[in-house]
Protein backbone atom coordinates (compact mmCIF):
# COMPACT_ATOMS: atom_id res chain seq x y z
CA MET A 1 116.29 122.35 155.99
CA ARG A 2 119.82 120.70 155.59
CA ARG A 3 118.46 117.49 157.36
CA ASP A 4 115.55 117.32 154.67
CA LEU A 5 118.00 117.55 151.79
CA PRO A 6 119.13 113.93 151.63
CA LYS A 7 115.50 112.56 151.72
CA LYS A 8 114.36 114.94 148.77
CA PHE A 9 117.43 113.91 146.82
CA ASN A 10 116.88 110.28 147.33
CA PHE A 11 113.25 110.54 146.36
CA PHE A 12 113.99 112.66 143.19
CA THR A 13 116.80 110.17 142.23
CA PHE A 14 114.59 107.23 142.66
CA PHE A 15 111.64 108.92 140.51
CA ILE A 16 114.19 109.69 137.61
CA ILE A 17 115.28 106.10 137.51
CA PHE A 18 111.74 104.71 137.67
CA LEU A 19 110.65 107.01 134.85
CA SER A 20 113.86 105.75 132.83
CA PHE A 21 112.93 102.03 133.43
CA LEU A 22 109.31 102.70 132.45
CA PHE A 23 110.05 104.42 129.00
CA SER A 24 112.69 101.97 128.18
CA SER A 25 110.46 99.12 128.83
CA CYS A 26 107.80 100.73 126.73
CA GLY A 27 110.10 101.29 123.82
CA SER A 28 111.62 97.90 123.91
CA SER A 29 108.10 96.34 123.63
CA LYS A 30 107.40 97.98 120.35
CA ILE A 31 110.50 96.57 118.62
CA LYS A 32 109.52 93.44 116.85
CA PRO A 33 112.16 91.24 115.13
CA ILE A 34 111.88 91.02 111.32
CA PRO A 35 110.89 87.37 110.32
CA ASP A 36 112.94 85.57 107.91
CA ALA A 37 111.57 85.13 104.44
CA GLU A 38 110.12 81.65 104.97
CA THR A 39 108.38 82.71 108.09
CA GLN A 40 106.95 85.90 106.55
CA PHE A 41 105.73 83.76 103.57
CA GLU A 42 103.89 81.45 106.13
CA ILE A 43 102.41 84.51 107.84
CA ALA A 44 101.07 86.09 104.64
CA LYS A 45 99.84 82.66 103.33
CA GLY A 46 98.07 82.08 106.72
CA GLU A 47 96.07 85.23 106.22
CA PHE A 48 95.08 84.21 102.73
CA GLN A 49 93.92 80.79 103.91
CA LYS A 50 91.93 82.45 106.70
CA LYS A 51 90.36 84.77 103.90
CA HIS A 52 91.85 87.95 105.40
CA PHE A 53 92.59 89.24 102.00
CA THR A 54 93.46 92.75 103.00
CA GLU A 55 95.81 91.50 105.54
CA ALA A 56 97.28 89.05 103.12
CA VAL A 57 97.99 91.92 100.62
CA THR A 58 99.89 93.73 103.39
CA GLU A 59 101.90 90.74 104.35
CA PHE A 60 102.62 89.56 100.81
CA ARG A 61 103.76 93.22 100.06
CA LYS A 62 106.21 92.99 103.04
CA LEU A 63 107.71 89.79 101.63
CA ILE A 64 108.22 90.98 98.12
CA PHE A 65 109.78 94.15 99.26
CA ASN A 66 112.17 92.68 101.95
CA TYR A 67 113.18 89.53 100.07
CA PRO A 68 112.90 89.84 96.15
CA GLY A 69 115.21 86.95 95.93
CA PHE A 70 113.17 84.49 97.91
CA ALA A 71 112.88 81.16 96.27
CA LYS A 72 108.99 81.23 96.43
CA ILE A 73 108.83 84.87 95.23
CA ASP A 74 106.67 83.84 92.25
CA SER A 75 104.26 82.10 94.43
CA ALA A 76 104.04 85.11 96.72
CA GLN A 77 103.35 87.44 93.78
CA TYR A 78 100.70 85.04 92.37
CA LEU A 79 98.96 85.12 95.91
CA LEU A 80 99.39 88.71 96.18
CA ALA A 81 97.20 88.97 92.86
CA MET A 82 94.71 86.32 94.15
CA SER A 83 94.29 88.24 97.30
CA TYR A 84 93.24 91.26 95.28
CA TYR A 85 91.06 89.13 93.13
CA LYS A 86 89.42 87.39 96.19
CA ASN A 87 88.73 90.97 97.58
CA ASP A 88 86.94 92.05 94.41
CA GLU A 89 89.70 94.46 93.53
CA TYR A 90 89.95 93.18 90.03
CA PRO A 91 92.03 96.16 88.30
CA PHE A 92 94.72 95.48 91.10
CA ALA A 93 94.69 91.88 90.55
CA ILE A 94 95.15 92.26 86.76
CA GLY A 95 98.09 94.56 87.36
CA GLU A 96 99.80 92.06 89.88
CA PHE A 97 99.03 88.94 87.45
CA LYS A 98 100.83 90.81 84.60
CA LYS A 99 103.64 91.74 87.01
CA LEU A 100 104.08 87.97 87.54
CA ILE A 101 104.07 87.15 83.84
CA SER A 102 106.71 89.84 83.07
CA SER A 103 108.89 89.26 86.06
CA PHE A 104 108.81 85.60 86.11
CA PRO A 105 107.96 84.25 82.44
CA SER A 106 109.19 80.72 83.15
CA SER A 107 107.36 80.32 86.39
CA SER A 108 104.97 77.38 86.63
CA LEU A 109 102.37 79.87 87.71
CA ALA A 110 102.67 81.89 84.53
CA ASP A 111 99.84 79.98 82.69
CA ASP A 112 97.47 80.32 86.01
CA ALA A 113 98.39 84.10 85.95
CA SER A 114 97.63 84.49 82.20
CA PHE A 115 94.21 82.71 82.83
CA MET A 116 93.46 84.93 85.75
CA ILE A 117 93.83 88.11 83.67
CA GLY A 118 91.07 86.87 81.34
CA LYS A 119 88.91 85.88 84.31
CA ALA A 120 89.31 89.27 86.41
CA ASN A 121 88.48 91.15 83.18
CA PHE A 122 85.48 89.01 82.70
CA GLU A 123 84.51 89.91 86.29
CA LEU A 124 84.50 93.45 85.30
CA SER A 125 82.45 92.96 82.20
CA PRO A 126 78.99 94.69 82.50
CA LYS A 127 75.70 93.78 81.17
CA PRO A 128 75.31 93.98 77.27
CA SER A 129 73.67 97.30 77.16
CA LEU A 130 76.81 98.99 78.75
CA ASP A 131 80.07 99.72 77.33
CA GLN A 132 81.96 96.51 76.63
CA ALA A 133 85.65 97.41 76.84
CA TYR A 134 86.30 94.91 79.64
CA THR A 135 84.59 92.16 77.59
CA HIS A 136 86.83 92.76 74.68
CA TYR A 137 89.92 92.72 77.14
CA ALA A 138 88.57 89.32 78.51
CA ILE A 139 88.30 87.95 75.11
CA GLU A 140 91.89 89.06 74.16
CA ALA A 141 93.29 87.60 77.32
CA PHE A 142 91.36 84.23 76.96
CA GLU A 143 92.47 83.90 73.26
CA SER A 144 96.12 84.76 74.22
CA PHE A 145 96.01 82.29 77.03
CA LEU A 146 94.56 79.33 74.75
CA GLU A 147 97.28 80.16 72.01
CA GLU A 148 100.14 80.20 74.66
CA TYR A 149 98.96 77.30 76.79
CA PRO A 150 96.54 75.01 74.82
CA GLN A 151 97.27 72.00 76.83
CA SER A 152 96.71 73.69 80.26
CA ASP A 153 94.10 72.13 82.73
CA LEU A 154 92.49 75.68 82.73
CA ALA A 155 92.05 75.59 78.92
CA PRO A 156 88.34 74.12 79.20
CA GLU A 157 87.11 76.77 81.59
CA ALA A 158 88.92 79.51 79.35
CA LYS A 159 87.03 78.27 76.23
CA LYS A 160 83.64 78.40 78.32
CA LEU A 161 84.13 81.86 79.65
CA LEU A 162 85.44 83.07 76.25
CA SER A 163 82.30 81.74 74.59
CA GLN A 164 80.25 83.49 77.06
CA ALA A 165 82.19 86.86 76.66
CA LYS A 166 81.55 86.59 72.90
CA ASN A 167 77.96 85.80 73.29
CA LYS A 168 77.60 88.94 75.41
CA LEU A 169 78.88 91.02 72.35
CA ALA A 170 76.77 89.12 70.03
CA GLU A 171 73.78 89.99 72.21
CA LYS A 172 74.64 93.68 72.13
CA ALA A 173 75.12 93.74 68.44
CA TYR A 174 71.84 92.08 67.89
CA LYS A 175 70.08 94.35 70.21
CA ASN A 176 71.40 97.30 68.23
CA GLY A 177 70.34 95.73 65.00
CA GLU A 178 66.86 94.89 66.37
CA LEU A 179 66.48 98.49 67.54
CA TYR A 180 67.43 99.92 64.07
CA VAL A 181 64.88 97.66 62.50
CA LYS A 182 62.29 99.15 64.80
CA LEU A 183 63.49 102.51 63.89
CA LYS A 184 63.23 101.56 60.05
CA ASN A 185 66.92 102.24 59.62
CA TYR A 186 67.53 99.10 57.57
CA LYS A 187 70.83 99.91 56.45
CA ALA A 188 72.16 100.25 60.16
CA ALA A 189 70.30 97.26 61.19
CA MET A 190 71.92 95.16 58.54
CA ILE A 191 75.44 96.18 59.67
CA TYR A 192 74.83 95.06 63.15
CA LEU A 193 73.04 91.93 62.15
CA ASP A 194 75.86 91.03 59.78
CA GLU A 195 78.25 91.50 62.69
CA VAL A 196 76.63 88.92 64.71
CA LEU A 197 76.66 86.48 61.76
CA THR A 198 80.30 87.03 60.93
CA GLU A 199 82.05 88.00 64.12
CA TYR A 200 79.93 85.77 66.51
CA HIS A 201 78.48 83.07 64.30
CA GLU A 202 78.75 80.49 67.09
CA SER A 203 76.75 82.47 69.53
CA SER A 204 73.05 81.76 70.38
CA TRP A 205 72.13 85.06 68.71
CA THR A 206 72.88 83.91 65.21
CA SER A 207 69.39 82.37 64.61
CA TRP A 208 67.79 85.62 65.78
CA ALA A 209 70.14 87.75 63.36
CA LEU A 210 69.08 85.70 60.37
CA TYR A 211 65.31 85.93 61.45
CA GLN A 212 65.83 89.71 61.66
CA LYS A 213 67.54 89.88 58.28
CA GLY A 214 64.37 88.07 56.82
CA GLU A 215 62.18 90.74 58.62
CA VAL A 216 64.19 93.49 57.05
CA LYS A 217 63.86 92.08 53.53
CA ARG A 218 60.10 91.57 54.19
CA PHE A 219 59.58 95.27 55.31
CA GLN A 220 61.56 96.26 52.03
CA LYS A 221 59.09 94.21 50.05
CA LYS A 222 61.81 91.80 48.88
CA ASN A 223 59.87 88.79 49.66
CA GLY A 224 62.20 86.31 47.65
CA GLU A 225 65.15 87.24 49.88
CA ALA A 226 62.94 87.34 53.05
CA LYS A 227 62.07 83.78 52.37
CA GLU A 228 65.64 82.65 51.80
CA PHE A 229 66.57 84.01 55.29
CA TYR A 230 63.49 82.45 56.85
CA GLN A 231 64.45 79.20 55.22
CA LYS A 232 68.12 79.39 56.66
CA VAL A 233 66.61 79.85 60.15
CA ILE A 234 64.46 76.74 59.74
CA GLU A 235 67.05 74.57 58.14
CA ASN A 236 69.86 75.59 60.52
CA TYR A 237 68.19 75.93 63.72
CA PRO A 238 64.87 73.81 63.49
CA GLU A 239 64.07 73.72 67.27
CA SER A 240 64.68 77.26 67.96
CA LYS A 241 62.21 80.02 68.80
CA PRO A 242 63.18 82.12 65.54
CA ALA A 243 62.61 79.00 63.35
CA LYS A 244 58.99 78.88 64.70
CA LYS A 245 58.51 82.52 63.97
CA ALA A 246 60.14 82.03 60.50
CA LYS A 247 57.60 79.42 59.60
CA GLU A 248 54.70 81.85 60.54
CA LYS A 249 56.22 84.40 58.27
CA LEU A 250 56.60 82.02 55.37
CA GLU A 251 52.91 81.23 55.67
CA GLU A 252 52.02 84.77 55.59
CA LEU A 253 54.04 85.49 52.46
CA LYS A 254 52.20 82.61 50.65
């Protein structure tokens, strides 16, 4: 037995050394050096350019957390918000765009962020029959953007989207008025129709609102007032469908 002892001892010692080497190698392979700010920015931007937006969010967050004083931190914040936007995560995008404006108000990207707040809310805006809270938020954001940055290259698109958002609210108000006309609740109908004419007078629903007001007056046997509304439709919107219907009603009243 004494002769076997050195062999067992040598084998055991070799086994321990082997395990130590194995585990130390595995452990060291997991340790990755932290990239510098510029490298991390390029990694995050690369994920964004490849349209890997979930991964881009992770990488931009690493950069912002580890290097808050980085020279391009406003760009990182903007691209973080855009990553959420491109991933259809609009509420998160809105929060990050607002953070850019509050943290870096003098950034050259502040106007872009202001515009994108409106656009993200516009994306959340549902069809007219549903609640229009996000449509109102979009309108507020676009109006604020146009007031703050009237010379921005994004101003024409902001005006276009603003018009579409208001048109959606006009449609909702008109549909409500039309419904109350059918229900013969003329007082409520006139409130909604007047809302179209006063709040959204530039919308495509103005001619229809005038026509429906003429209908209300006709149903109330106030033919003189009805004729006035029909005539306004014909004079102001001569090529419109409501104008054609207004002419028919005027013929009936004769």
